[in-house]
Every structure is written in C-alpha cells, then in structure tokens.
Amino acid sequence: MNEIPKEWQLEPHYMPTLLWFSRKPQTRVVLGKEITSEESKSYPGWYFVQRGDRMRMVDSLEEALAELKSRIKHGNLGDLLGSPTPYQTSKSERKRMLAELLEAPIVTPPPNYDPDRDKPLTLLERKWELGEYLLVAFIEYACFRPEFHTYFNAANNPMRSLVGKVCTLQAATQADLEREDEDEDFEAEWKELSVGTVHLEGNRLTVGFWSHTFRADTLVFGVAFEEATFEDENMSYYLSTKVQR
C-alpha cells in the first residue's frame, strides 16, 4: 500500500489569541466606518473592544504559549493597527496573570478529531477582569493541509487526491490574466468548463465530459483533497471540490 504523500497530510497549527472586552459597548472605526460593539455570545455581559495579538498561526503548542507569555509579561497588549492597550496593567498584575496562565488546564485533542468535520478546538483559556475591561487569552488548535507546488507527473500532484470526486473546473485566458495585472480596472473572467467526476490517466485530465492532456512538467499549485491550479500556453485552470449550483 502506497503511503500518502507528505504534502497531502494534515498539519497541526495553533493560534494564540488575546481579546479585549468592555462592560459597556464602545464605538470603534473599522475601514472608515463607525461600528458599535454588540454583546459577546461567548462572554455575556461584555462587549468586544479589540484584539491584543498578532493574529498568526504557529506550529506548536509550546510556541503558542510562549507568544502569550511574552505579550502579557511585557504588557504588549495593543492591537495590530497601533491602537493603545485599553487598560494599562501593573507589574504585579502581569505577574499574577502569568502565574494563572501557566496554571490553566490544557485540553488534549481527542484521537477522533476530524478538522474537515469538527470546529477548531480551544486547548487553553484564561480570563482576567481588569477594571472595566476583560482580557481573554486562549489557544485554538486546528489542522489543515498545506498549499504547495509540484509538477503534473509527480506522485504528489494534488489532482491525484481529487480522482473519483465530483469537482468544478474553471478557466481564464492567459491574455485576460495578463491584462488584469496591467489594468486595475479590468477583471479576468473565469468560465466554468465542466462539473463532473475527476479522472487522471498519465498526463491526461478528465473532468466530466471535458478532457485535456498536459505537459509532464506543468507546474501545479494546490491543496490536497481541495483544489489545484495549473496552466497551459493559452489558459489558466482552477479545479476545486466546490461544486457550483
């Protein structure tokens, strides 16, 4: 039995997150528009103010925890856009928060966890009431497959993971895509070529009643079991499990 290519396998990722809430709704400006916060469903009685993290995924639980520890330790809790921290924590408060963060229980993902079916898991959560504000720290766990590039005749071609599945094939002309790059007012049109079962015989791809043979060295970008992008001299193609209705 052949092993699944490394690039097709799920990879664990962790999102360290810090969220600020207030006891009363506040108005903030987002993309030039004023928005008044609504009461949080996750934290009743509190209203979202801003994030206090860098909104980035990391590859290990240890790295995610270290990220939270560093930001709390140094009081670096403002948002990405440069807005100041809504509450200035004291050194003693930060020391207490760090101790409580390290004492927070950590959930182990169940062995039957399926990221294609289940929602992201919260592995750790800790809350602190600070005056009129609430700071929430948590770490979410999510698995997903990486985007990668390879060649049409390669064993790890993501199209191979779509064989037997019903997919949608769309295409745009190279001429239109080049014009789109040069003219910001022009948008290339992606047309649906076919919806149907995917077959791959050598370098010949078949989707429903559509079929075409590609060069072995055709570059392919994609995510296994989800999508693939590739091209020939005249067209750029996009194959996806999303079936248009």
C-alpha atoms as a PDB file:
ATOM      1  CA  MET A   1       0.000   0.000   0.000  1.00  0.00           C
ATOM      2  CA  ASN A   2       1.440   3.343  -1.012  1.00  0.00           C
ATOM      3  CA  GLU A   3       1.860   5.971   1.670  1.00  0.00           C
ATOM      4  CA  ILE A   4       0.021   9.271   1.407  1.00  0.00           C
ATOM      5  CA  PRO A   5       2.443  11.983   0.196  1.00  0.00           C
ATOM      6  CA  LYS A   6       3.741  14.198   2.985  1.00  0.00           C
ATOM      7  CA  GLU A   7       2.202  17.297   1.363  1.00  0.00           C
ATOM      8  CA  TRP A   8      -1.266  15.694   1.486  1.00  0.00           C
ATOM      9  CA  GLN A   9      -1.220  15.092   5.223  1.00  0.00           C
ATOM     10  CA  LEU A  10      -2.886  17.274   7.836  1.00  0.00           C
ATOM     11  CA  GLU A  11      -0.552  19.524   9.801  1.00  0.00           C
ATOM     12  CA  PRO A  12      -1.372  20.780  13.326  1.00  0.00           C
ATOM     13  CA  HIS A  13      -1.418  24.554  13.880  1.00  0.00           C
ATOM     14  CA  TYR A  14      -2.051  26.721  16.917  1.00  0.00           C
ATOM     15  CA  MET A  15      -3.489  30.225  17.204  1.00  0.00           C
ATOM     16  CA  PRO A  16      -2.534  32.195  20.346  1.00  0.00           C
ATOM     17  CA  THR A  17      -5.215  34.858  20.857  1.00  0.00           C
ATOM     18  CA  LEU A  18      -5.779  37.823  23.181  1.00  0.00           C
ATOM     19  CA  LEU A  19      -9.142  39.625  23.156  1.00  0.00           C
ATOM     20  CA  TRP A  20     -10.216  42.768  24.994  1.00  0.00           C
ATOM     21  CA  PHE A  21     -13.826  43.361  26.053  1.00  0.00           C
ATOM     22  CA  SER A  22     -15.501  46.202  27.966  1.00  0.00           C
ATOM     23  CA  ARG A  23     -18.503  46.311  30.316  1.00  0.00           C
ATOM     24  CA  LYS A  24     -20.212  48.859  28.096  1.00  0.00           C
ATOM     25  CA  PRO A  25     -20.467  48.910  24.286  1.00  0.00           C
ATOM     26  CA  GLN A  26     -17.870  51.091  22.595  1.00  0.00           C
ATOM     27  CA  THR A  27     -17.767  52.606  19.140  1.00  0.00           C
ATOM     28  CA  ARG A  28     -14.686  51.932  17.035  1.00  0.00           C
ATOM     29  CA  VAL A  29     -13.728  52.842  13.462  1.00  0.00           C
ATOM     30  CA  VAL A  30     -13.190  49.925  11.058  1.00  0.00           C
ATOM     31  CA  LEU A  31     -12.277  50.705   7.430  1.00  0.00           C
ATOM     32  CA  GLY A  32     -13.579  54.223   7.866  1.00  0.00           C
ATOM     33  CA  LYS A  33     -16.923  53.128   9.319  1.00  0.00           C
ATOM     34  CA  GLU A  34     -18.076  53.532  12.910  1.00  0.00           C
ATOM     35  CA  ILE A  35     -19.157  50.250  14.485  1.00  0.00           C
ATOM     36  CA  THR A  36     -20.765  49.856  17.910  1.00  0.00           C
ATOM     37  CA  SER A  37     -19.908  46.576  19.609  1.00  0.00           C
ATOM     38  CA  GLU A  38     -22.630  44.036  20.287  1.00  0.00           C
ATOM     39  CA  GLU A  39     -22.738  41.899  23.404  1.00  0.00           C
ATOM     40  CA  SER A  40     -20.477  38.858  23.100  1.00  0.00           C
ATOM     41  CA  LYS A  41     -22.217  35.485  22.841  1.00  0.00           C
ATOM     42  CA  SER A  42     -19.153  33.757  24.266  1.00  0.00           C
ATOM     43  CA  TYR A  43     -18.772  36.197  27.156  1.00  0.00           C
ATOM     44  CA  PRO A  44     -22.244  37.531  28.104  1.00  0.00           C
ATOM     45  CA  GLY A  45     -22.235  40.989  29.644  1.00  0.00           C
ATOM     46  CA  TRP A  46     -19.069  42.016  27.786  1.00  0.00           C
ATOM     47  CA  TYR A  47     -18.556  43.911  24.525  1.00  0.00           C
ATOM     48  CA  PHE A  48     -15.644  43.403  22.130  1.00  0.00           C
ATOM     49  CA  VAL A  49     -13.056  46.206  22.024  1.00  0.00           C
ATOM     50  CA  GLN A  50     -10.003  44.912  20.136  1.00  0.00           C
ATOM     51  CA  ARG A  51      -7.513  42.104  19.675  1.00  0.00           C
ATOM     52  CA  GLY A  52      -4.229  42.116  21.523  1.00  0.00           C
ATOM     53  CA  ASP A  53      -2.328  39.577  19.431  1.00  0.00           C
ATOM     54  CA  ARG A  54      -0.608  39.330  16.060  1.00  0.00           C
ATOM     55  CA  MET A  55      -3.232  37.025  14.501  1.00  0.00           C
ATOM     56  CA  ARG A  56      -0.720  34.412  13.395  1.00  0.00           C
ATOM     57  CA  MET A  57      -0.644  30.634  13.392  1.00  0.00           C
ATOM     58  CA  VAL A  58       2.306  28.792  14.927  1.00  0.00           C
ATOM     59  CA  ASP A  59       3.393  25.184  14.588  1.00  0.00           C
ATOM     60  CA  SER A  60       3.481  24.043  18.223  1.00  0.00           C
ATOM     61  CA  LEU A  61       1.585  24.452  21.471  1.00  0.00           C
ATOM     62  CA  GLU A  62       4.824  25.498  23.171  1.00  0.00           C
ATOM     63  CA  GLU A  63       5.332  28.334  20.694  1.00  0.00           C
ATOM     64  CA  ALA A  64       1.730  29.492  21.121  1.00  0.00           C
ATOM     65  CA  LEU A  65       2.051  29.544  24.909  1.00  0.00           C
ATOM     66  CA  ALA A  66       5.377  31.381  24.682  1.00  0.00           C
ATOM     67  CA  GLU A  67       3.716  34.027  22.495  1.00  0.00           C
ATOM     68  CA  LEU A  68       1.011  34.676  25.093  1.00  0.00           C
ATOM     69  CA  LYS A  69       3.519  34.692  27.951  1.00  0.00           C
ATOM     70  CA  SER A  70       5.750  37.243  26.211  1.00  0.00           C
ATOM     71  CA  ARG A  71       2.932  39.661  25.391  1.00  0.00           C
ATOM     72  CA  ILE A  72       1.499  39.515  28.908  1.00  0.00           C
ATOM     73  CA  LYS A  73       4.897  39.755  30.603  1.00  0.00           C
ATOM     74  CA  HIS A  74       5.837  42.907  28.689  1.00  0.00           C
ATOM     75  CA  GLY A  75       2.337  44.425  28.693  1.00  0.00           C
ATOM     76  CA  ASN A  76       2.404  44.386  24.889  1.00  0.00           C
ATOM     77  CA  LEU A  77      -1.365  44.087  24.536  1.00  0.00           C
ATOM     78  CA  GLY A  78      -2.299  46.719  21.939  1.00  0.00           C
ATOM     79  CA  ASP A  79      -3.751  45.818  18.566  1.00  0.00           C
ATOM     80  CA  LEU A  80      -2.095  45.363  15.176  1.00  0.00           C
ATOM     81  CA  LEU A  81      -3.195  48.784  13.949  1.00  0.00           C
ATOM     82  CA  GLY A  82      -1.367  50.591  16.718  1.00  0.00           C
ATOM     83  CA  SER A  83      -4.316  51.315  18.995  1.00  0.00           C
ATOM     84  CA  PRO A  84      -3.122  51.541  22.615  1.00  0.00           C
ATOM     85  CA  THR A  85      -3.959  48.937  25.229  1.00  0.00           C
ATOM     86  CA  PRO A  86      -7.359  49.885  26.719  1.00  0.00           C
ATOM     87  CA  TYR A  87      -6.098  49.090  30.218  1.00  0.00           C
ATOM     88  CA  GLN A  88      -2.532  49.575  31.473  1.00  0.00           C
ATOM     89  CA  THR A  89      -1.589  46.539  33.546  1.00  0.00           C
ATOM     90  CA  SER A  90       0.766  46.960  36.509  1.00  0.00           C
ATOM     91  CA  LYS A  91       3.834  44.788  37.070  1.00  0.00           C
ATOM     92  CA  SER A  92       2.109  42.931  39.921  1.00  0.00           C
ATOM     93  CA  GLU A  93      -0.979  42.306  37.772  1.00  0.00           C
ATOM     94  CA  ARG A  94       1.131  40.919  34.952  1.00  0.00           C
ATOM     95  CA  LYS A  95       2.995  38.661  37.395  1.00  0.00           C
ATOM     96  CA  ARG A  96      -0.320  37.275  38.687  1.00  0.00           C
ATOM     97  CA  MET A  97      -1.677  36.860  35.154  1.00  0.00           C
ATOM     98  CA  LEU A  98       1.397  34.920  34.057  1.00  0.00           C
ATOM     99  CA  ALA A  99       1.108  32.570  37.028  1.00  0.00           C
ATOM    100  CA  GLU A 100      -2.571  31.946  36.301  1.00  0.00           C
ATOM    101  CA  LEU A 101      -1.883  31.441  32.606  1.00  0.00           C
ATOM    102  CA  LEU A 102       0.670  28.736  33.379  1.00  0.00           C
ATOM    103  CA  GLU A 103      -1.777  27.065  35.780  1.00  0.00           C
ATOM    104  CA  ALA A 104      -4.565  26.925  33.179  1.00  0.00           C
ATOM    105  CA  PRO A 105      -5.501  23.345  32.180  1.00  0.00           C
ATOM    106  CA  ILE A 106      -4.609  22.284  28.662  1.00  0.00           C
ATOM    107  CA  VAL A 107      -7.037  20.132  26.685  1.00  0.00           C
ATOM    108  CA  THR A 108      -5.671  17.278  24.587  1.00  0.00           C
ATOM    109  CA  PRO A 109      -7.312  16.925  21.147  1.00  0.00           C
ATOM    110  CA  PRO A 110      -9.333  13.679  21.017  1.00  0.00           C
ATOM    111  CA  PRO A 111      -7.967  10.942  18.735  1.00  0.00           C
ATOM    112  CA  ASN A 112     -11.148  11.033  16.615  1.00  0.00           C
ATOM    113  CA  TYR A 113     -10.896  14.785  15.982  1.00  0.00           C
ATOM    114  CA  ASP A 114     -11.659  15.467  12.314  1.00  0.00           C
ATOM    115  CA  PRO A 115     -10.815  19.023  11.142  1.00  0.00           C
ATOM    116  CA  ASP A 116     -12.856  18.503   7.973  1.00  0.00           C
ATOM    117  CA  ARG A 117     -15.914  17.908  10.150  1.00  0.00           C
ATOM    118  CA  ASP A 118     -15.276  19.457  13.556  1.00  0.00           C
ATOM    119  CA  LYS A 119     -14.782  23.070  14.624  1.00  0.00           C
ATOM    120  CA  PRO A 120     -11.375  24.324  15.869  1.00  0.00           C
ATOM    121  CA  LEU A 121     -10.673  23.265  19.445  1.00  0.00           C
ATOM    122  CA  THR A 122      -9.834  25.625  22.303  1.00  0.00           C
ATOM    123  CA  LEU A 123      -6.937  23.956  24.120  1.00  0.00           C
ATOM    124  CA  LEU A 124      -6.418  26.613  26.791  1.00  0.00           C
ATOM    125  CA  GLU A 125      -8.401  29.599  28.069  1.00  0.00           C
ATOM    126  CA  ARG A 126      -7.877  32.134  30.863  1.00  0.00           C
ATOM    127  CA  LYS A 127      -9.836  35.332  31.647  1.00  0.00           C
ATOM    128  CA  TRP A 128      -8.955  38.375  33.756  1.00  0.00           C
ATOM    129  CA  GLU A 129     -11.250  41.206  34.834  1.00  0.00           C
ATOM    130  CA  LEU A 130      -9.221  44.416  34.834  1.00  0.00           C
ATOM    131  CA  GLY A 131     -11.265  47.402  35.932  1.00  0.00           C
ATOM    132  CA  GLU A 132     -13.951  47.974  33.330  1.00  0.00           C
ATOM    133  CA  TYR A 133     -12.285  45.534  30.943  1.00  0.00           C
ATOM    134  CA  LEU A 134     -11.960  41.810  30.403  1.00  0.00           C
ATOM    135  CA  LEU A 135      -8.864  40.266  28.823  1.00  0.00           C
ATOM    136  CA  VAL A 136      -9.236  36.754  27.441  1.00  0.00           C
ATOM    137  CA  ALA A 137      -6.277  34.594  26.458  1.00  0.00           C
ATOM    138  CA  PHE A 138      -6.773  31.327  24.617  1.00  0.00           C
ATOM    139  CA  ILE A 139      -5.095  28.938  22.220  1.00  0.00           C
ATOM    140  CA  GLU A 140      -7.040  27.336  19.370  1.00  0.00           C
ATOM    141  CA  TYR A 141      -5.999  24.116  17.676  1.00  0.00           C
ATOM    142  CA  ALA A 142      -6.684  23.490  14.006  1.00  0.00           C
ATOM    143  CA  CYS A 143      -5.362  21.029  11.438  1.00  0.00           C
ATOM    144  CA  PHE A 144      -5.188  21.763   7.738  1.00  0.00           C
ATOM    145  CA  ARG A 145      -3.265  20.656   4.719  1.00  0.00           C
ATOM    146  CA  PRO A 146      -0.539  22.940   3.344  1.00  0.00           C
ATOM    147  CA  GLU A 147      -0.611  24.687  -0.012  1.00  0.00           C
ATOM    148  CA  PHE A 148       2.331  23.535  -2.120  1.00  0.00           C
ATOM    149  CA  HIS A 149       3.589  23.381  -5.687  1.00  0.00           C
ATOM    150  CA  THR A 150       4.713  20.389  -7.705  1.00  0.00           C
ATOM    151  CA  TYR A 151       4.572  19.065 -11.286  1.00  0.00           C
ATOM    152  CA  PHE A 152       1.805  17.379 -13.251  1.00  0.00           C
ATOM    153  CA  ASN A 153       3.528  13.990 -13.489  1.00  0.00           C
ATOM    154  CA  ALA A 154       4.640  13.978  -9.828  1.00  0.00           C
ATOM    155  CA  ALA A 155       3.237  11.421  -7.388  1.00  0.00           C
ATOM    156  CA  ASN A 156       2.180  14.235  -5.019  1.00  0.00           C
ATOM    157  CA  ASN A 157       0.199  16.148  -7.660  1.00  0.00           C
ATOM    158  CA  PRO A 158      -2.863  17.290  -5.616  1.00  0.00           C
ATOM    159  CA  MET A 159      -5.090  16.427  -8.600  1.00  0.00           C
ATOM    160  CA  ARG A 160      -4.467  12.774  -7.780  1.00  0.00           C
ATOM    161  CA  SER A 161      -6.219  13.296  -4.428  1.00  0.00           C
ATOM    162  CA  LEU A 162      -9.305  14.520  -6.323  1.00  0.00           C
ATOM    163  CA  VAL A 163      -9.633  11.463  -8.572  1.00  0.00           C
ATOM    164  CA  GLY A 164     -13.101   9.961  -8.226  1.00  0.00           C
ATOM    165  CA  LYS A 165     -14.549  13.133  -6.676  1.00  0.00           C
ATOM    166  CA  VAL A 166     -17.067  15.455  -8.321  1.00  0.00           C
ATOM    167  CA  CYS A 167     -15.320  18.778  -8.906  1.00  0.00           C
ATOM    168  CA  THR A 168     -15.719  22.052 -10.768  1.00  0.00           C
ATOM    169  CA  LEU A 169     -13.197  23.075 -13.425  1.00  0.00           C
ATOM    170  CA  GLN A 170     -12.929  26.766 -14.304  1.00  0.00           C
ATOM    171  CA  ALA A 171     -10.571  28.574 -16.666  1.00  0.00           C
ATOM    172  CA  ALA A 172      -9.476  32.050 -17.712  1.00  0.00           C
ATOM    173  CA  THR A 173      -7.366  33.015 -20.711  1.00  0.00           C
ATOM    174  CA  GLN A 174      -3.736  33.939 -20.214  1.00  0.00           C
ATOM    175  CA  ALA A 175      -4.387  37.106 -22.232  1.00  0.00           C
ATOM    176  CA  ASP A 176      -7.114  38.230 -19.818  1.00  0.00           C
ATOM    177  CA  LEU A 177      -4.977  37.443 -16.764  1.00  0.00           C
ATOM    178  CA  GLU A 178      -2.061  39.447 -18.176  1.00  0.00           C
ATOM    179  CA  ARG A 179      -4.393  42.367 -18.887  1.00  0.00           C
ATOM    180  CA  GLU A 180      -5.748  42.114 -15.326  1.00  0.00           C
ATOM    181  CA  ASP A 181      -2.196  42.506 -13.998  1.00  0.00           C
ATOM    182  CA  GLU A 182      -1.642  45.616 -16.109  1.00  0.00           C
ATOM    183  CA  ASP A 183      -5.089  47.249 -15.811  1.00  0.00           C
ATOM    184  CA  GLU A 184      -6.538  47.571 -12.294  1.00  0.00           C
ATOM    185  CA  ASP A 185      -9.982  48.317 -13.766  1.00  0.00           C
ATOM    186  CA  PHE A 186     -10.091  45.059 -15.724  1.00  0.00           C
ATOM    187  CA  GLU A 187     -11.086  41.729 -14.192  1.00  0.00           C
ATOM    188  CA  ALA A 188     -10.407  38.451 -15.958  1.00  0.00           C
ATOM    189  CA  GLU A 189     -13.457  36.230 -16.446  1.00  0.00           C
ATOM    190  CA  TRP A 190     -13.261  32.707 -15.045  1.00  0.00           C
ATOM    191  CA  LYS A 191     -15.624  30.465 -17.018  1.00  0.00           C
ATOM    192  CA  GLU A 192     -16.929  27.096 -15.895  1.00  0.00           C
ATOM    193  CA  LEU A 193     -15.661  24.417 -18.252  1.00  0.00           C
ATOM    194  CA  SER A 194     -17.105  21.353 -16.577  1.00  0.00           C
ATOM    195  CA  VAL A 195     -18.593  19.842 -13.429  1.00  0.00           C
ATOM    196  CA  GLY A 196     -18.096  16.114 -13.014  1.00  0.00           C
ATOM    197  CA  THR A 197     -16.001  13.234 -11.756  1.00  0.00           C
ATOM    198  CA  VAL A 198     -12.222  13.653 -11.961  1.00  0.00           C
ATOM    199  CA  HIS A 199     -10.092  11.081 -13.780  1.00  0.00           C
ATOM    200  CA  LEU A 200      -6.336  11.166 -14.365  1.00  0.00           C
ATOM    201  CA  GLU A 201      -4.613   8.813 -16.808  1.00  0.00           C
ATOM    202  CA  GLY A 202      -0.951   9.627 -17.249  1.00  0.00           C
ATOM    203  CA  ASN A 203      -0.908  13.328 -18.039  1.00  0.00           C
ATOM    204  CA  ARG A 204      -4.476  13.414 -19.335  1.00  0.00           C
ATOM    205  CA  LEU A 205      -7.025  15.072 -17.035  1.00  0.00           C
ATOM    206  CA  THR A 206     -10.744  14.411 -17.436  1.00  0.00           C
ATOM    207  CA  VAL A 207     -13.477  16.286 -15.570  1.00  0.00           C
ATOM    208  CA  GLY A 208     -16.948  15.121 -16.559  1.00  0.00           C
ATOM    209  CA  PHE A 209     -17.054  15.322 -20.375  1.00  0.00           C
ATOM    210  CA  TRP A 210     -14.048  17.673 -20.591  1.00  0.00           C
ATOM    211  CA  SER A 211     -10.590  16.232 -21.225  1.00  0.00           C
ATOM    212  CA  HIS A 212      -7.110  17.602 -21.968  1.00  0.00           C
ATOM    213  CA  THR A 213      -3.517  16.331 -21.964  1.00  0.00           C
ATOM    214  CA  PHE A 214      -0.881  18.474 -20.220  1.00  0.00           C
ATOM    215  CA  ARG A 215       2.899  18.544 -20.339  1.00  0.00           C
ATOM    216  CA  ALA A 216       4.551  16.417 -17.664  1.00  0.00           C
ATOM    217  CA  ASP A 217       6.464  19.431 -16.353  1.00  0.00           C
ATOM    218  CA  THR A 218       3.340  21.614 -15.973  1.00  0.00           C
ATOM    219  CA  LEU A 219       3.560  23.450 -12.650  1.00  0.00           C
ATOM    220  CA  VAL A 220       0.679  22.718 -10.261  1.00  0.00           C
ATOM    221  CA  PHE A 221      -0.253  24.687  -7.131  1.00  0.00           C
ATOM    222  CA  GLY A 222      -2.805  23.284  -4.764  1.00  0.00           C
ATOM    223  CA  VAL A 223      -4.102  21.811  -1.533  1.00  0.00           C
ATOM    224  CA  ALA A 224      -4.701  18.064  -1.427  1.00  0.00           C
ATOM    225  CA  PHE A 225      -8.358  16.973  -1.421  1.00  0.00           C
ATOM    226  CA  GLU A 226      -9.423  20.598  -2.029  1.00  0.00           C
ATOM    227  CA  GLU A 227      -8.081  22.376  -5.113  1.00  0.00           C
ATOM    228  CA  ALA A 228      -5.407  22.689  -7.807  1.00  0.00           C
ATOM    229  CA  THR A 229      -4.322  25.495 -10.135  1.00  0.00           C
ATOM    230  CA  PHE A 230      -2.339  24.874 -13.346  1.00  0.00           C
ATOM    231  CA  GLU A 231      -1.992  26.258 -16.864  1.00  0.00           C
ATOM    232  CA  ASP A 232      -1.002  25.668 -20.462  1.00  0.00           C
ATOM    233  CA  GLU A 233       0.039  28.071 -23.223  1.00  0.00           C
ATOM    234  CA  ASN A 234      -3.393  29.672 -23.562  1.00  0.00           C
ATOM    235  CA  MET A 235      -5.372  29.059 -20.382  1.00  0.00           C
ATOM    236  CA  SER A 236      -5.114  29.016 -16.609  1.00  0.00           C
ATOM    237  CA  TYR A 237      -7.225  26.373 -14.867  1.00  0.00           C
ATOM    238  CA  TYR A 238      -8.724  26.011 -11.409  1.00  0.00           C
ATOM    239  CA  LEU A 239     -10.018  22.633 -10.206  1.00  0.00           C
ATOM    240  CA  SER A 240     -11.977  22.622  -6.946  1.00  0.00           C
ATOM    241  CA  THR A 241     -14.208  20.372  -4.857  1.00  0.00           C
ATOM    242  CA  LYS A 242     -16.642  23.295  -4.599  1.00  0.00           C
ATOM    243  CA  VAL A 243     -19.490  22.447  -6.948  1.00  0.00           C
ATOM    244  CA  GLN A 244     -21.329  25.500  -8.259  1.00  0.00           C
ATOM    245  CA  ARG A 245     -25.131  25.338  -8.165  1.00  0.00           C
END
